[in-house]
């Protein structure tokens, strides 16, 4: 059996795992976001990420307020605040993604049974099922579409032809056009970089946490 596992190869294993995962998530109205096979030998790890369908969804980017900005908001007298008009409703793809722990547990059980039947692993193996998380990794270009305006970290397989000897980029996602996407870079600020997704080694969402540091004025009090 160990020899059979070796001859299958990683691509074949991924195909078998994906097929089992896609069958399992259908009854939960979820989709397979990505699959990773980690390690080798006697205890490989199968990591599966599941999420709600993302086609046609939009995730508005809201930069978190700093502590100083929150303090200024609280200092404004309530009567002085203008009545805000109701915001236009936008279909929001929540970062929590609607995937519960119970969903993951049941999906894991179903996938586990299916893979045991396939008997593709020679010895013990570990199965992990979860949502993609706040700093989700992107596995295909279509997954970028809901995140226009969001900060993205990208590492390329080879240096970018327009940025000599540079493989790592961070910037806000400007456009997605089939396999190509464009970032407005943080460094150099405002520069644009167009990337072919096929050249990407890893790309993931950057989650910005609120700045909780105190200003110099507040820290002296």
N, C-alpha and C. Protein backbone atom coordinates (compact mmCIF):
# COMPACT_ATOMS: atom_id res chain seq x y z
N UNK A 1 0.82 -1.21 0.00
CA UNK A 1 0.00 0.00 0.00
C UNK A 1 0.85 1.26 0.00
N UNK A 2 2.00 1.19 0.71
CA UNK A 2 2.89 2.34 0.74
C UNK A 2 3.38 2.67 -0.66
N UNK A 3 3.68 1.62 -1.45
CA UNK A 3 4.14 1.83 -2.80
C UNK A 3 3.05 2.45 -3.66
N UNK A 4 1.78 2.01 -3.44
CA UNK A 4 0.66 2.58 -4.18
C UNK A 4 0.51 4.06 -3.90
N UNK A 5 0.70 4.43 -2.62
CA UNK A 5 0.59 5.84 -2.25
C UNK A 5 1.64 6.67 -2.96
N UNK A 6 2.86 6.13 -3.05
CA UNK A 6 3.94 6.86 -3.70
C UNK A 6 3.66 7.04 -5.19
N UNK A 7 3.15 5.97 -5.85
CA UNK A 7 2.92 6.04 -7.28
C UNK A 7 1.75 6.95 -7.64
N UNK A 8 0.84 7.17 -6.70
CA UNK A 8 -0.28 8.07 -6.98
C UNK A 8 0.22 9.48 -7.27
N UNK A 9 1.20 9.94 -6.52
CA UNK A 9 1.71 11.28 -6.70
C UNK A 9 0.81 12.31 -6.03
N UNK A 10 1.36 13.50 -5.81
CA UNK A 10 0.62 14.53 -5.09
C UNK A 10 -0.61 15.01 -5.85
N UNK A 11 -0.47 15.17 -7.17
CA UNK A 11 -1.60 15.65 -7.97
C UNK A 11 -2.77 14.68 -7.90
N UNK A 12 -2.49 13.39 -7.98
CA UNK A 12 -3.54 12.37 -7.92
C UNK A 12 -4.20 12.36 -6.55
N UNK A 13 -3.38 12.47 -5.50
CA UNK A 13 -3.92 12.52 -4.14
C UNK A 13 -4.83 13.73 -3.95
N UNK A 14 -4.39 14.88 -4.45
CA UNK A 14 -5.21 16.09 -4.34
C UNK A 14 -6.55 15.91 -5.04
N UNK A 15 -6.51 15.25 -6.19
CA UNK A 15 -7.74 15.00 -6.92
C UNK A 15 -8.71 14.12 -6.16
N UNK A 16 -8.20 13.08 -5.52
CA UNK A 16 -9.04 12.17 -4.74
C UNK A 16 -9.62 12.89 -3.52
N UNK A 17 -8.78 13.67 -2.84
CA UNK A 17 -9.22 14.42 -1.66
C UNK A 17 -10.27 15.45 -2.05
N UNK A 18 -10.03 16.17 -3.15
CA UNK A 18 -10.99 17.19 -3.59
C UNK A 18 -12.33 16.57 -3.94
N UNK A 19 -12.31 15.45 -4.62
CA UNK A 19 -13.57 14.79 -4.99
C UNK A 19 -14.36 14.42 -3.75
N UNK A 20 -13.68 13.86 -2.74
CA UNK A 20 -14.36 13.49 -1.50
C UNK A 20 -14.88 14.72 -0.77
N UNK A 21 -14.08 15.79 -0.76
CA UNK A 21 -14.46 17.02 -0.05
C UNK A 21 -15.66 17.69 -0.72
N UNK A 22 -15.66 17.74 -2.04
CA UNK A 22 -16.76 18.41 -2.75
C UNK A 22 -18.09 17.68 -2.54
N UNK A 23 -18.05 16.37 -2.47
CA UNK A 23 -19.27 15.61 -2.19
C UNK A 23 -19.76 15.92 -0.77
N UNK A 24 -18.82 16.00 0.18
CA UNK A 24 -19.19 16.21 1.59
C UNK A 24 -19.79 17.59 1.84
N UNK A 25 -19.28 18.63 1.17
CA UNK A 25 -19.72 20.00 1.47
C UNK A 25 -21.04 20.37 0.79
N UNK A 26 -21.46 19.60 -0.21
CA UNK A 26 -22.65 19.96 -0.97
C UNK A 26 -23.89 20.10 -0.09
N UNK A 27 -24.07 19.19 0.87
CA UNK A 27 -25.27 19.22 1.70
C UNK A 27 -25.26 20.39 2.69
N UNK A 28 -24.13 21.07 2.83
CA UNK A 28 -24.03 22.22 3.73
C UNK A 28 -24.08 23.55 2.95
N UNK A 29 -24.32 23.46 1.64
CA UNK A 29 -24.31 24.65 0.77
C UNK A 29 -22.99 25.40 0.86
N UNK A 30 -21.90 24.65 0.96
CA UNK A 30 -20.57 25.23 1.03
C UNK A 30 -19.75 24.78 -0.17
N UNK A 31 -18.56 25.38 -0.30
CA UNK A 31 -17.65 25.00 -1.37
C UNK A 31 -16.25 24.77 -0.79
N UNK A 32 -15.47 24.01 -1.52
CA UNK A 32 -14.08 23.79 -1.14
C UNK A 32 -13.28 25.01 -1.55
N UNK A 33 -12.71 25.71 -0.57
CA UNK A 33 -11.90 26.90 -0.86
C UNK A 33 -10.49 26.50 -1.30
N UNK A 34 -9.91 25.54 -0.60
CA UNK A 34 -8.56 25.09 -0.95
C UNK A 34 -8.19 23.83 -0.20
N UNK A 35 -7.17 23.13 -0.73
CA UNK A 35 -6.70 21.89 -0.12
C UNK A 35 -5.18 21.92 -0.08
N UNK A 36 -4.62 21.49 1.05
CA UNK A 36 -3.17 21.39 1.18
C UNK A 36 -2.79 20.01 1.70
N UNK A 37 -1.74 19.45 1.12
CA UNK A 37 -1.17 18.19 1.61
C UNK A 37 0.20 18.53 2.18
N UNK A 38 0.36 18.32 3.46
CA UNK A 38 1.60 18.70 4.15
C UNK A 38 2.30 17.48 4.69
N UNK A 39 3.62 17.52 4.62
CA UNK A 39 4.40 16.43 5.18
C UNK A 39 4.33 15.19 4.31
N UNK A 40 5.04 14.18 4.75
CA UNK A 40 5.05 12.91 4.03
C UNK A 40 5.44 11.82 5.01
N UNK A 41 5.58 10.63 4.51
CA UNK A 41 5.99 9.53 5.38
C UNK A 41 4.82 8.93 6.13
N UNK A 42 5.01 8.74 7.44
CA UNK A 42 4.03 7.97 8.20
C UNK A 42 2.84 8.78 8.70
N UNK A 43 2.91 10.11 8.68
CA UNK A 43 1.80 10.90 9.22
C UNK A 43 1.58 12.19 8.43
N UNK A 44 1.14 12.10 7.19
CA UNK A 44 0.86 13.31 6.41
C UNK A 44 -0.37 14.03 6.94
N UNK A 45 -0.45 15.34 6.64
CA UNK A 45 -1.58 16.16 7.07
C UNK A 45 -2.37 16.58 5.84
N UNK A 46 -3.67 16.33 5.86
CA UNK A 46 -4.58 16.77 4.81
C UNK A 46 -5.37 17.94 5.39
N UNK A 47 -5.16 19.13 4.83
CA UNK A 47 -5.80 20.34 5.34
C UNK A 47 -6.80 20.85 4.29
N UNK A 48 -8.07 20.92 4.68
CA UNK A 48 -9.12 21.32 3.75
C UNK A 48 -9.82 22.57 4.29
N UNK A 49 -9.94 23.59 3.43
CA UNK A 49 -10.63 24.83 3.80
C UNK A 49 -11.96 24.90 3.06
N UNK A 50 -13.03 25.19 3.79
CA UNK A 50 -14.36 25.26 3.18
C UNK A 50 -14.97 26.62 3.47
N UNK A 51 -15.82 27.08 2.55
CA UNK A 51 -16.40 28.41 2.70
C UNK A 51 -17.74 28.47 1.97
N UNK A 52 -18.47 29.56 2.22
CA UNK A 52 -19.69 29.80 1.46
C UNK A 52 -19.31 30.18 0.03
N UNK A 53 -20.20 29.97 -0.95
CA UNK A 53 -19.88 30.34 -2.34
C UNK A 53 -19.50 31.81 -2.44
N UNK A 54 -18.46 32.10 -3.20
CA UNK A 54 -17.93 33.46 -3.28
C UNK A 54 -18.23 34.15 -4.61
N UNK A 55 -18.78 33.42 -5.58
CA UNK A 55 -19.05 34.02 -6.88
C UNK A 55 -20.07 35.15 -6.74
N UNK A 56 -19.74 36.31 -7.27
CA UNK A 56 -20.65 37.45 -7.24
C UNK A 56 -20.73 38.17 -5.90
N UNK A 57 -19.93 37.77 -4.93
CA UNK A 57 -19.96 38.41 -3.62
C UNK A 57 -19.01 39.61 -3.59
N UNK A 58 -19.28 40.51 -2.65
CA UNK A 58 -18.43 41.69 -2.45
C UNK A 58 -18.14 41.82 -0.96
N UNK A 59 -16.88 42.00 -0.62
CA UNK A 59 -16.49 42.23 0.77
C UNK A 59 -15.98 43.66 0.88
N UNK A 60 -16.80 44.60 1.37
CA UNK A 60 -16.33 45.99 1.50
C UNK A 60 -15.12 46.06 2.43
N UNK A 61 -14.12 46.83 2.02
CA UNK A 61 -12.95 46.99 2.87
C UNK A 61 -13.15 48.16 3.82
N UNK A 62 -13.09 47.89 5.10
CA UNK A 62 -13.24 48.93 6.12
C UNK A 62 -11.97 48.93 6.97
N UNK A 63 -11.20 49.99 6.85
CA UNK A 63 -9.96 50.09 7.63
C UNK A 63 -10.30 50.30 9.10
N UNK A 64 -9.74 49.49 10.00
CA UNK A 64 -10.08 49.64 11.42
C UNK A 64 -9.61 50.98 11.98
N UNK A 65 -10.39 51.53 12.90
CA UNK A 65 -10.04 52.80 13.53
C UNK A 65 -8.91 52.61 14.53
N UNK A 66 -8.05 53.60 14.62
CA UNK A 66 -7.02 53.59 15.65
C UNK A 66 -7.67 53.98 16.98
N UNK A 67 -6.96 53.78 18.07
CA UNK A 67 -7.47 54.16 19.38
C UNK A 67 -7.73 55.67 19.45
N UNK A 68 -6.84 56.42 18.81
CA UNK A 68 -6.99 57.88 18.82
C UNK A 68 -8.25 58.30 18.07
N UNK A 69 -8.53 57.64 16.92
CA UNK A 69 -9.73 57.96 16.14
C UNK A 69 -10.99 57.60 16.92
N UNK A 70 -10.96 56.46 17.60
CA UNK A 70 -12.11 56.07 18.41
C UNK A 70 -12.34 57.07 19.54
N UNK A 71 -11.24 57.57 20.14
CA UNK A 71 -11.35 58.53 21.22
C UNK A 71 -11.99 59.82 20.74
N UNK A 72 -11.61 60.26 19.53
CA UNK A 72 -12.19 61.48 18.97
C UNK A 72 -13.68 61.32 18.71
N UNK A 73 -14.07 60.13 18.26
CA UNK A 73 -15.49 59.87 18.02
C UNK A 73 -16.30 59.98 19.31
N UNK A 74 -15.76 59.42 20.39
CA UNK A 74 -16.47 59.43 21.66
C UNK A 74 -16.57 60.83 22.26
N UNK A 75 -15.62 61.70 21.88
CA UNK A 75 -15.59 63.05 22.45
C UNK A 75 -16.65 63.97 21.83
N UNK A 76 -17.25 63.55 20.72
CA UNK A 76 -18.29 64.36 20.07
C UNK A 76 -19.61 64.18 20.80
N UNK A 77 -20.25 65.31 21.16
CA UNK A 77 -21.51 65.23 21.88
C UNK A 77 -22.57 64.55 21.00
N UNK A 78 -23.33 63.61 21.55
CA UNK A 78 -24.33 62.88 20.76
C UNK A 78 -25.27 63.78 19.99
N UNK A 79 -25.67 64.92 20.59
CA UNK A 79 -26.61 65.83 19.94
C UNK A 79 -25.99 66.51 18.73
N UNK A 80 -24.67 66.49 18.68
CA UNK A 80 -23.99 67.18 17.57
C UNK A 80 -23.84 66.27 16.36
N UNK A 81 -24.10 65.00 16.55
CA UNK A 81 -23.95 64.06 15.44
C UNK A 81 -25.14 64.17 14.50
N UNK A 82 -24.86 64.23 13.25
CA UNK A 82 -25.92 64.29 12.25
C UNK A 82 -26.55 62.92 12.06
N UNK A 83 -27.82 62.96 11.78
CA UNK A 83 -28.52 61.72 11.51
C UNK A 83 -27.99 61.13 10.21
N UNK A 84 -27.43 59.94 10.31
CA UNK A 84 -26.87 59.32 9.13
C UNK A 84 -27.97 58.67 8.31
N UNK A 85 -27.84 58.81 6.98
CA UNK A 85 -28.78 58.15 6.11
C UNK A 85 -28.48 56.67 6.07
N UNK A 86 -29.52 55.84 5.92
CA UNK A 86 -29.28 54.39 5.86
C UNK A 86 -28.35 54.06 4.72
N UNK A 87 -27.35 53.26 5.03
CA UNK A 87 -26.38 52.88 4.01
C UNK A 87 -27.03 51.96 2.99
N UNK A 88 -26.57 52.10 1.75
CA UNK A 88 -27.10 51.23 0.70
C UNK A 88 -26.71 49.80 1.01
N UNK A 89 -27.66 48.91 0.94
CA UNK A 89 -27.42 47.53 1.29
C UNK A 89 -26.47 46.90 0.28
N UNK A 90 -25.44 46.25 0.80
CA UNK A 90 -24.47 45.57 -0.03
C UNK A 90 -24.40 44.13 0.40
N UNK A 91 -24.37 43.23 -0.57
CA UNK A 91 -24.25 41.82 -0.23
C UNK A 91 -22.87 41.57 0.33
N UNK A 92 -22.81 41.31 1.59
CA UNK A 92 -21.53 41.24 2.28
C UNK A 92 -21.13 39.79 2.53
N UNK A 93 -19.91 39.47 2.08
CA UNK A 93 -19.37 38.13 2.28
C UNK A 93 -18.59 38.17 3.59
N UNK A 94 -19.23 37.73 4.67
CA UNK A 94 -18.67 37.88 6.01
C UNK A 94 -17.36 37.13 6.16
N UNK A 95 -16.41 37.75 6.89
CA UNK A 95 -15.14 37.08 7.17
C UNK A 95 -15.35 35.81 7.98
N UNK A 96 -16.44 35.77 8.75
CA UNK A 96 -16.73 34.55 9.48
C UNK A 96 -17.21 33.47 8.54
N UNK A 97 -17.72 33.87 7.36
CA UNK A 97 -18.05 33.02 6.23
C UNK A 97 -19.15 32.01 6.48
N UNK A 98 -19.82 32.05 7.61
CA UNK A 98 -20.96 31.19 7.82
C UNK A 98 -20.63 29.73 7.98
N UNK A 99 -19.38 29.42 8.27
CA UNK A 99 -18.97 28.03 8.49
C UNK A 99 -18.81 27.80 9.98
N UNK A 100 -19.61 26.91 10.55
CA UNK A 100 -19.57 26.67 11.98
C UNK A 100 -18.60 25.53 12.32
N UNK A 101 -18.25 25.46 13.59
CA UNK A 101 -17.39 24.37 14.06
C UNK A 101 -18.08 23.02 13.86
N UNK A 102 -19.39 22.99 14.09
CA UNK A 102 -20.15 21.74 13.90
C UNK A 102 -20.13 21.32 12.43
N UNK A 103 -20.24 22.31 11.53
CA UNK A 103 -20.16 22.00 10.09
C UNK A 103 -18.82 21.33 9.76
N UNK A 104 -17.75 21.93 10.27
CA UNK A 104 -16.41 21.41 9.99
C UNK A 104 -16.24 20.01 10.55
N UNK A 105 -16.78 19.77 11.74
CA UNK A 105 -16.66 18.45 12.37
C UNK A 105 -17.38 17.39 11.55
N UNK A 106 -18.59 17.70 11.09
CA UNK A 106 -19.37 16.73 10.32
C UNK A 106 -18.75 16.51 8.94
N UNK A 107 -18.28 17.59 8.31
CA UNK A 107 -17.63 17.45 7.01
C UNK A 107 -16.36 16.61 7.14
N UNK A 108 -15.61 16.85 8.21
CA UNK A 108 -14.40 16.07 8.47
C UNK A 108 -14.72 14.58 8.60
N UNK A 109 -15.81 14.28 9.31
CA UNK A 109 -16.20 12.88 9.50
C UNK A 109 -16.54 12.24 8.15
N UNK A 110 -17.29 12.96 7.32
CA UNK A 110 -17.71 12.43 6.03
C UNK A 110 -16.52 12.22 5.09
N UNK A 111 -15.61 13.21 5.06
CA UNK A 111 -14.43 13.08 4.21
C UNK A 111 -13.54 11.95 4.70
N UNK A 112 -13.39 11.85 6.01
CA UNK A 112 -12.56 10.80 6.59
C UNK A 112 -13.03 9.41 6.20
N UNK A 113 -14.34 9.20 6.25
CA UNK A 113 -14.89 7.90 5.87
C UNK A 113 -14.60 7.61 4.40
N UNK A 114 -14.81 8.62 3.55
CA UNK A 114 -14.58 8.44 2.12
C UNK A 114 -13.13 8.12 1.80
N UNK A 115 -12.20 8.83 2.46
CA UNK A 115 -10.78 8.60 2.19
C UNK A 115 -10.31 7.27 2.75
N UNK A 116 -10.93 6.83 3.84
CA UNK A 116 -10.59 5.50 4.38
C UNK A 116 -11.00 4.41 3.39
N UNK A 117 -12.14 4.62 2.75
CA UNK A 117 -12.61 3.65 1.75
C UNK A 117 -11.64 3.63 0.56
N UNK A 118 -11.18 4.82 0.14
CA UNK A 118 -10.23 4.90 -0.97
C UNK A 118 -8.90 4.25 -0.62
N UNK A 119 -8.55 4.29 0.68
CA UNK A 119 -7.33 3.64 1.18
C UNK A 119 -6.07 4.11 0.44
N UNK A 120 -5.91 5.45 0.34
CA UNK A 120 -4.76 5.99 -0.39
C UNK A 120 -3.54 6.26 0.48
N UNK A 121 -3.73 6.25 1.80
CA UNK A 121 -2.61 6.50 2.71
C UNK A 121 -2.14 5.19 3.34
N UNK A 122 -0.84 5.01 3.32
CA UNK A 122 -0.28 3.75 3.80
C UNK A 122 -0.46 3.58 5.30
N UNK A 123 -0.27 4.65 6.07
CA UNK A 123 -0.31 4.57 7.52
C UNK A 123 -1.23 5.66 8.07
N UNK A 124 -0.98 6.06 9.31
CA UNK A 124 -1.80 7.09 9.96
C UNK A 124 -1.66 8.43 9.22
N UNK A 125 -2.77 9.18 9.18
CA UNK A 125 -2.76 10.49 8.57
C UNK A 125 -3.69 11.40 9.35
N UNK A 126 -3.51 12.71 9.18
CA UNK A 126 -4.27 13.71 9.95
C UNK A 126 -5.14 14.50 8.98
N UNK A 127 -6.41 14.65 9.34
CA UNK A 127 -7.35 15.43 8.52
C UNK A 127 -7.79 16.66 9.31
N UNK A 128 -7.63 17.84 8.71
CA UNK A 128 -8.06 19.09 9.32
C UNK A 128 -9.03 19.81 8.37
N UNK A 129 -10.20 20.18 8.89
CA UNK A 129 -11.19 20.91 8.10
C UNK A 129 -11.53 22.21 8.83
N UNK A 130 -11.44 23.33 8.14
CA UNK A 130 -11.73 24.63 8.77
C UNK A 130 -12.11 25.64 7.71
N UNK A 131 -12.54 26.84 8.16
CA UNK A 131 -12.75 27.95 7.23
C UNK A 131 -11.38 28.54 6.87
N UNK A 132 -11.29 29.33 5.81
CA UNK A 132 -9.99 29.87 5.39
C UNK A 132 -9.38 30.87 6.36
N UNK A 133 -10.19 31.49 7.24
CA UNK A 133 -9.65 32.41 8.24
C UNK A 133 -9.52 33.84 7.75
N UNK A 134 -9.09 34.71 8.66
CA UNK A 134 -9.00 36.14 8.36
C UNK A 134 -7.95 36.46 7.30
N UNK A 135 -6.84 35.72 7.32
CA UNK A 135 -5.79 35.96 6.34
C UNK A 135 -5.75 34.79 5.35
N UNK A 136 -6.87 34.59 4.72
CA UNK A 136 -7.04 33.45 3.83
C UNK A 136 -6.06 33.44 2.68
N UNK A 137 -5.59 32.25 2.34
CA UNK A 137 -4.75 32.04 1.17
C UNK A 137 -5.65 31.89 -0.06
N UNK A 138 -5.22 32.44 -1.20
CA UNK A 138 -5.98 32.34 -2.44
C UNK A 138 -5.40 31.21 -3.29
N UNK A 139 -6.27 30.34 -3.79
CA UNK A 139 -5.85 29.19 -4.56
C UNK A 139 -6.21 29.30 -6.04
N UNK A 140 -7.03 30.27 -6.40
CA UNK A 140 -7.39 30.49 -7.80
C UNK A 140 -7.76 31.96 -7.96
N UNK A 141 -7.57 32.52 -9.17
CA UNK A 141 -7.79 33.96 -9.35
C UNK A 141 -9.22 34.41 -9.08
N UNK A 142 -10.21 33.55 -9.33
CA UNK A 142 -11.61 33.95 -9.11
C UNK A 142 -11.87 34.27 -7.64
N UNK A 143 -11.09 33.68 -6.74
CA UNK A 143 -11.28 33.93 -5.31
C UNK A 143 -10.88 35.35 -4.91
N UNK A 144 -10.12 36.02 -5.74
CA UNK A 144 -9.70 37.40 -5.46
C UNK A 144 -10.83 38.41 -5.66
N UNK A 145 -11.77 38.08 -6.55
CA UNK A 145 -12.77 39.06 -6.99
C UNK A 145 -13.55 39.74 -5.87
N UNK A 146 -13.97 39.04 -4.80
CA UNK A 146 -14.72 39.74 -3.75
C UNK A 146 -13.89 40.73 -2.94
N UNK A 147 -12.56 40.72 -3.13
CA UNK A 147 -11.68 41.47 -2.23
C UNK A 147 -11.03 42.69 -2.88
N UNK A 148 -11.69 43.28 -3.87
CA UNK A 148 -11.16 44.51 -4.47
C UNK A 148 -11.04 45.59 -3.40
N UNK A 149 -9.89 46.26 -3.37
CA UNK A 149 -9.63 47.30 -2.38
C UNK A 149 -8.95 46.79 -1.12
N UNK A 150 -8.90 45.48 -0.93
CA UNK A 150 -8.28 44.91 0.26
C UNK A 150 -6.77 44.76 0.08
N UNK A 151 -6.01 44.83 1.18
CA UNK A 151 -4.58 44.59 1.08
C UNK A 151 -4.27 43.11 0.90
N UNK A 152 -3.35 42.82 -0.03
CA UNK A 152 -2.97 41.46 -0.37
C UNK A 152 -1.45 41.32 -0.30
N UNK A 153 -0.99 40.21 0.24
CA UNK A 153 0.43 39.85 0.22
C UNK A 153 0.66 38.80 -0.86
N UNK A 154 1.65 39.01 -1.72
CA UNK A 154 1.92 38.07 -2.82
C UNK A 154 3.40 37.72 -2.85
N UNK A 155 3.69 36.43 -2.96
CA UNK A 155 5.05 35.96 -3.18
C UNK A 155 5.07 35.20 -4.50
N UNK A 156 6.00 35.56 -5.39
CA UNK A 156 6.07 34.95 -6.72
C UNK A 156 7.10 33.82 -6.76
N UNK A 157 6.93 32.94 -7.73
CA UNK A 157 7.91 31.87 -7.93
C UNK A 157 9.23 32.43 -8.43
N UNK A 158 9.14 33.45 -9.30
CA UNK A 158 10.32 34.06 -9.90
C UNK A 158 10.18 35.59 -9.86
N UNK A 159 11.28 36.32 -9.92
CA UNK A 159 11.20 37.79 -9.88
C UNK A 159 10.30 38.34 -10.98
N UNK A 160 9.57 39.41 -10.65
CA UNK A 160 8.67 40.06 -11.60
C UNK A 160 9.48 40.77 -12.67
N UNK A 161 9.07 40.66 -13.92
CA UNK A 161 9.84 41.25 -15.03
C UNK A 161 9.92 42.77 -14.95
N UNK A 162 8.92 43.41 -14.31
CA UNK A 162 8.92 44.88 -14.22
C UNK A 162 9.54 45.39 -12.92
N UNK A 163 9.88 44.46 -12.01
CA UNK A 163 10.49 44.85 -10.74
C UNK A 163 11.67 43.91 -10.50
N UNK A 164 12.83 44.32 -10.94
CA UNK A 164 14.01 43.46 -10.97
C UNK A 164 14.33 42.85 -9.60
N UNK A 165 14.53 41.55 -9.62
CA UNK A 165 14.92 40.77 -8.42
C UNK A 165 13.92 40.86 -7.28
N UNK A 166 12.68 41.19 -7.58
CA UNK A 166 11.69 41.30 -6.52
C UNK A 166 10.60 40.24 -6.69
N UNK A 167 10.39 39.47 -5.60
CA UNK A 167 9.38 38.41 -5.63
C UNK A 167 8.20 38.71 -4.69
N UNK A 168 8.40 39.60 -3.71
CA UNK A 168 7.37 39.84 -2.71
C UNK A 168 6.74 41.22 -2.89
N UNK A 169 5.42 41.23 -2.83
CA UNK A 169 4.68 42.48 -3.03
C UNK A 169 3.52 42.55 -2.04
N UNK A 170 3.23 43.77 -1.60
CA UNK A 170 2.04 44.03 -0.79
C UNK A 170 1.37 45.28 -1.32
N UNK A 171 0.06 45.19 -1.48
CA UNK A 171 -0.68 46.35 -1.96
C UNK A 171 -2.16 46.06 -1.98
N UNK A 172 -2.94 47.08 -2.29
CA UNK A 172 -4.39 46.91 -2.35
C UNK A 172 -4.77 46.39 -3.73
N UNK A 173 -5.72 45.47 -3.74
CA UNK A 173 -6.15 44.83 -4.98
C UNK A 173 -6.99 45.80 -5.81
N UNK A 174 -6.52 46.11 -7.01
CA UNK A 174 -7.21 47.09 -7.86
C UNK A 174 -8.16 46.42 -8.86
N UNK A 175 -7.65 45.43 -9.58
CA UNK A 175 -8.46 44.78 -10.60
C UNK A 175 -8.15 43.28 -10.66
N UNK A 176 -9.13 42.53 -11.15
CA UNK A 176 -8.94 41.11 -11.46
C UNK A 176 -9.52 40.89 -12.85
N UNK A 177 -8.68 40.38 -13.76
CA UNK A 177 -9.12 40.15 -15.14
C UNK A 177 -8.66 38.76 -15.56
N UNK A 178 -9.58 37.81 -15.45
CA UNK A 178 -9.26 36.41 -15.72
C UNK A 178 -8.08 35.96 -14.86
N UNK A 179 -6.94 35.67 -15.47
CA UNK A 179 -5.80 35.17 -14.71
C UNK A 179 -4.88 36.28 -14.20
N UNK A 180 -5.14 37.52 -14.63
CA UNK A 180 -4.29 38.64 -14.24
C UNK A 180 -4.96 39.48 -13.15
N UNK A 181 -4.15 39.97 -12.21
CA UNK A 181 -4.67 40.89 -11.21
C UNK A 181 -3.64 41.99 -10.97
N UNK A 182 -4.14 43.15 -10.54
CA UNK A 182 -3.27 44.31 -10.36
C UNK A 182 -3.33 44.81 -8.93
N UNK A 183 -2.16 45.09 -8.37
CA UNK A 183 -2.04 45.67 -7.02
C UNK A 183 -1.57 47.11 -7.12
N UNK A 184 -2.11 47.96 -6.24
CA UNK A 184 -1.54 49.29 -6.02
C UNK A 184 -0.59 49.14 -4.84
N UNK A 185 0.70 49.22 -5.10
CA UNK A 185 1.71 48.82 -4.12
C UNK A 185 1.87 49.81 -2.97
N UNK A 186 2.23 49.25 -1.81
CA UNK A 186 2.61 50.07 -0.67
C UNK A 186 4.01 50.63 -0.86
N UNK A 187 4.87 49.87 -1.57
CA UNK A 187 6.27 50.27 -1.76
C UNK A 187 6.75 49.80 -3.14
N UNK A 188 7.07 50.73 -4.07
CA UNK A 188 6.92 52.17 -3.93
C UNK A 188 5.44 52.56 -3.91
N UNK A 189 5.12 53.50 -3.05
CA UNK A 189 3.73 53.87 -2.81
C UNK A 189 3.05 54.35 -4.09
N UNK A 190 1.89 53.75 -4.37
CA UNK A 190 1.10 54.17 -5.52
C UNK A 190 1.45 53.49 -6.83
N UNK A 191 2.60 52.80 -6.88
CA UNK A 191 2.97 52.10 -8.11
C UNK A 191 2.04 50.92 -8.33
N UNK A 192 1.81 50.59 -9.58
CA UNK A 192 0.92 49.48 -9.90
C UNK A 192 1.72 48.29 -10.42
N UNK A 193 1.28 47.10 -10.04
CA UNK A 193 1.96 45.88 -10.43
C UNK A 193 0.92 44.88 -10.90
N UNK A 194 1.03 44.44 -12.15
CA UNK A 194 0.13 43.43 -12.69
C UNK A 194 0.80 42.07 -12.64
N UNK A 195 0.08 41.09 -12.13
CA UNK A 195 0.64 39.77 -11.87
C UNK A 195 -0.21 38.69 -12.51
N UNK A 196 0.45 37.72 -13.12
CA UNK A 196 -0.23 36.54 -13.64
C UNK A 196 -0.34 35.53 -12.50
N UNK A 197 -1.56 35.06 -12.23
CA UNK A 197 -1.76 34.17 -11.09
C UNK A 197 -0.94 32.89 -11.21
N UNK A 198 -0.63 32.48 -12.44
CA UNK A 198 0.17 31.27 -12.63
C UNK A 198 1.58 31.42 -12.09
N UNK A 199 2.04 32.67 -11.91
CA UNK A 199 3.40 32.90 -11.41
C UNK A 199 3.43 33.05 -9.88
N UNK A 200 2.26 32.92 -9.24
CA UNK A 200 2.17 33.13 -7.79
C UNK A 200 2.56 31.87 -7.02
N UNK A 201 3.46 32.04 -6.08
CA UNK A 201 3.81 30.95 -5.17
C UNK A 201 2.82 30.91 -4.00
N UNK A 202 2.51 32.10 -3.46
CA UNK A 202 1.50 32.22 -2.41
C UNK A 202 0.93 33.63 -2.41
N UNK A 203 -0.39 33.71 -2.23
CA UNK A 203 -1.06 35.01 -2.11
C UNK A 203 -2.09 34.88 -1.00
N UNK A 204 -2.10 35.86 -0.10
CA UNK A 204 -3.07 35.80 0.99
C UNK A 204 -3.56 37.19 1.37
N UNK A 205 -4.75 37.21 1.94
CA UNK A 205 -5.36 38.44 2.41
C UNK A 205 -4.61 38.94 3.64
N UNK A 206 -4.48 40.26 3.76
CA UNK A 206 -3.84 40.87 4.93
C UNK A 206 -4.94 41.43 5.82
N UNK A 207 -5.03 40.93 7.04
CA UNK A 207 -6.02 41.45 7.99
C UNK A 207 -5.38 42.56 8.82
N UNK A 208 -5.98 43.74 8.79
CA UNK A 208 -5.45 44.88 9.54
C UNK A 208 -6.11 44.96 10.90
N UNK A 209 -5.29 44.89 11.93
CA UNK A 209 -5.80 45.00 13.29
C UNK A 209 -5.76 46.47 13.72
N UNK A 210 -6.68 46.89 14.57
CA UNK A 210 -6.68 48.29 15.03
C UNK A 210 -5.37 48.64 15.73
N UNK A 211 -4.95 49.88 15.54
CA UNK A 211 -3.76 50.39 16.23
C UNK A 211 -4.13 50.72 17.67
N UNK A 212 -3.57 49.96 18.60
CA UNK A 212 -3.91 50.17 20.00
C UNK A 212 -2.83 50.93 20.76
N UNK A 213 -1.81 51.41 20.03
CA UNK A 213 -0.75 52.15 20.70
C UNK A 213 -1.24 53.54 21.07
N UNK A 214 -0.79 54.04 22.20
CA UNK A 214 -1.17 55.38 22.67
C UNK A 214 -0.29 56.43 22.01
N UNK A 215 -0.86 57.58 21.73
CA UNK A 215 -0.07 58.68 21.20
C UNK A 215 0.85 59.19 22.29
N UNK A 216 1.88 59.97 21.91
CA UNK A 216 2.82 60.51 22.89
C UNK A 216 2.12 61.39 23.90
N UNK A 217 1.12 62.15 23.43
CA UNK A 217 0.40 63.05 24.34
C UNK A 217 -0.34 62.26 25.40
N UNK A 218 -1.04 61.19 24.98
CA UNK A 218 -1.79 60.39 25.95
C UNK A 218 -0.90 59.61 26.89
N UNK A 219 0.26 59.14 26.37
CA UNK A 219 1.13 58.32 27.19
C UNK A 219 1.80 59.11 28.31
N UNK A 220 1.83 60.46 28.22
CA UNK A 220 2.46 61.27 29.25
C UNK A 220 1.50 61.57 30.39
N UNK A 221 0.23 61.30 30.18
CA UNK A 221 -0.76 61.64 31.22
C UNK A 221 -0.71 60.61 32.34
